[in-house]
């Protein structure tokens, strides 16, 4: 993984990653032309189109992990993160399942 400006990281396979402040984790997309995303090439004020939709589950806590390991039933919490990244800002659409749904904030620098 190598830095592309302050906001993005280059990954293998023609992918880039950005840090999502709503999910507090990285999201990645393919920008090598084999998929539908286009990127303006700027690592400090990126624009990515079309929108990025991430579906998954909220990462489990240490406490939840311990309960699972003890055989307790566990239902993961669904995660939806749907964004537009434009000129260095990240716009969270209203279908996001986290607290930043409906807001636009600056795309954060990649954490150290």
Protein backbone atom coordinates (compact mmCIF):
# COMPACT_ATOMS: atom_id res chain seq x y z
CA UNK A 1 0.00 0.00 0.00
CA UNK A 2 1.42 3.38 -0.96
CA UNK A 3 0.24 6.93 -0.32
CA UNK A 4 -1.48 8.97 -3.03
CA UNK A 5 -1.51 12.44 -1.51
CA UNK A 6 -2.91 12.77 2.00
CA UNK A 7 -6.34 11.20 1.41
CA UNK A 8 -5.88 7.99 -0.60
CA UNK A 9 -3.84 4.82 -0.67
CA UNK A 10 -2.97 2.76 -3.74
CA UNK A 11 -3.66 -0.95 -3.40
CA UNK A 12 -2.86 -3.91 -5.61
CA UNK A 13 -5.13 -4.77 -8.51
CA UNK A 14 -5.85 -1.22 -9.66
CA UNK A 15 -7.63 -0.29 -6.45
CA UNK A 16 -7.53 2.81 -4.26
CA UNK A 17 -8.75 3.22 -0.69
CA UNK A 18 -10.05 6.16 1.32
CA UNK A 19 -10.77 6.49 5.04
CA UNK A 20 -14.47 6.78 5.84
CA UNK A 21 -15.18 8.90 8.92
CA UNK A 22 -18.73 7.53 9.14
CA UNK A 23 -17.64 3.90 9.38
CA UNK A 24 -14.22 4.64 10.90
CA UNK A 25 -12.63 2.24 8.43
CA UNK A 26 -11.21 2.14 4.91
CA UNK A 27 -13.34 1.62 1.81
CA UNK A 28 -11.81 0.60 -1.51
CA UNK A 29 -12.78 0.72 -5.17
CA UNK A 30 -11.23 -0.37 -8.46
CA UNK A 31 -10.19 2.50 -10.73
CA UNK A 32 -8.17 0.67 -13.39
CA UNK A 33 -10.89 0.99 -16.04
CA UNK A 34 -12.21 -2.56 -15.57
CA UNK A 35 -15.13 -1.39 -13.42
CA UNK A 36 -17.45 1.61 -13.47
CA UNK A 37 -15.57 4.04 -11.18
CA UNK A 38 -13.63 6.98 -12.48
CA UNK A 39 -11.17 8.98 -10.40
CA UNK A 40 -9.69 12.40 -11.18
CA UNK A 41 -6.16 11.26 -10.18
CA UNK A 42 -5.90 13.75 -7.29
CA UNK A 43 -4.88 12.26 -3.92
CA UNK A 44 -5.60 15.44 -1.97
CA UNK A 45 -8.91 16.59 -3.48
CA UNK A 46 -10.26 13.41 -5.06
CA UNK A 47 -13.42 13.11 -7.09
CA UNK A 48 -14.75 9.59 -7.63
CA UNK A 49 -17.79 8.76 -9.72
CA UNK A 50 -20.29 7.24 -9.60
CA UNK A 51 -21.28 6.84 -5.95
CA UNK A 52 -19.65 4.26 -3.68
CA UNK A 53 -22.02 1.85 -1.91
CA UNK A 54 -20.65 -0.36 0.86
CA UNK A 55 -22.84 -3.08 2.37
CA UNK A 56 -21.63 -5.20 5.23
CA UNK A 57 -21.76 -5.46 8.98
CA UNK A 58 -20.46 -3.25 11.77
CA UNK A 59 -17.16 -4.67 13.08
CA UNK A 60 -17.61 -6.57 16.32
CA UNK A 61 -16.17 -5.38 19.62
CA UNK A 62 -13.81 -7.37 21.82
CA UNK A 63 -16.72 -8.00 24.17
CA UNK A 64 -18.90 -9.32 21.33
CA UNK A 65 -16.03 -11.52 20.15
CA UNK A 66 -15.68 -13.01 23.64
CA UNK A 67 -19.42 -13.74 23.77
CA UNK A 68 -19.28 -15.45 20.37
CA UNK A 69 -16.30 -17.52 21.47
CA UNK A 70 -18.33 -18.57 24.55
CA UNK A 71 -21.02 -19.91 22.22
CA UNK A 72 -23.56 -17.13 22.75
CA UNK A 73 -25.89 -16.26 19.90
CA UNK A 74 -24.94 -13.09 18.07
CA UNK A 75 -26.70 -11.14 15.33
CA UNK A 76 -24.37 -8.74 13.48
CA UNK A 77 -25.49 -5.16 12.92
CA UNK A 78 -25.95 -4.34 9.21
CA UNK A 79 -23.84 -1.52 7.78
CA UNK A 80 -24.72 0.61 4.77
CA UNK A 81 -22.44 3.43 3.64
CA UNK A 82 -23.41 5.22 0.42
CA UNK A 83 -21.28 8.19 -0.62
CA UNK A 84 -20.26 10.60 -3.30
CA UNK A 85 -16.69 11.89 -3.17
CA UNK A 86 -16.34 15.24 -4.86
CA UNK A 87 -13.42 17.66 -4.80
CA UNK A 88 -12.11 16.32 -1.47
CA UNK A 89 -15.48 16.18 0.30
CA UNK A 90 -17.45 13.07 1.17
CA UNK A 91 -21.22 13.32 0.90
CA UNK A 92 -23.07 10.67 2.89
CA UNK A 93 -26.43 9.83 1.37
CA UNK A 94 -29.55 9.38 3.48
CA UNK A 95 -29.50 5.57 3.19
CA UNK A 96 -26.31 5.34 5.28
CA UNK A 97 -26.78 3.47 8.55
CA UNK A 98 -24.33 5.59 10.56
CA UNK A 99 -24.47 9.00 12.26
CA UNK A 100 -23.12 10.96 9.25
CA UNK A 101 -26.09 10.05 7.00
CA UNK A 102 -27.27 13.12 5.10
CA UNK A 103 -24.12 15.16 5.82
CA UNK A 104 -21.17 16.34 3.74
CA UNK A 105 -17.77 16.60 5.44
CA UNK A 106 -14.17 16.94 4.26
CA UNK A 107 -12.62 13.60 3.34
CA UNK A 108 -10.13 13.01 6.18
CA UNK A 109 -6.45 12.43 5.76
CA UNK A 110 -5.46 8.78 5.96
CA UNK A 111 -4.87 7.95 9.64
CA UNK A 112 -1.32 7.32 10.79
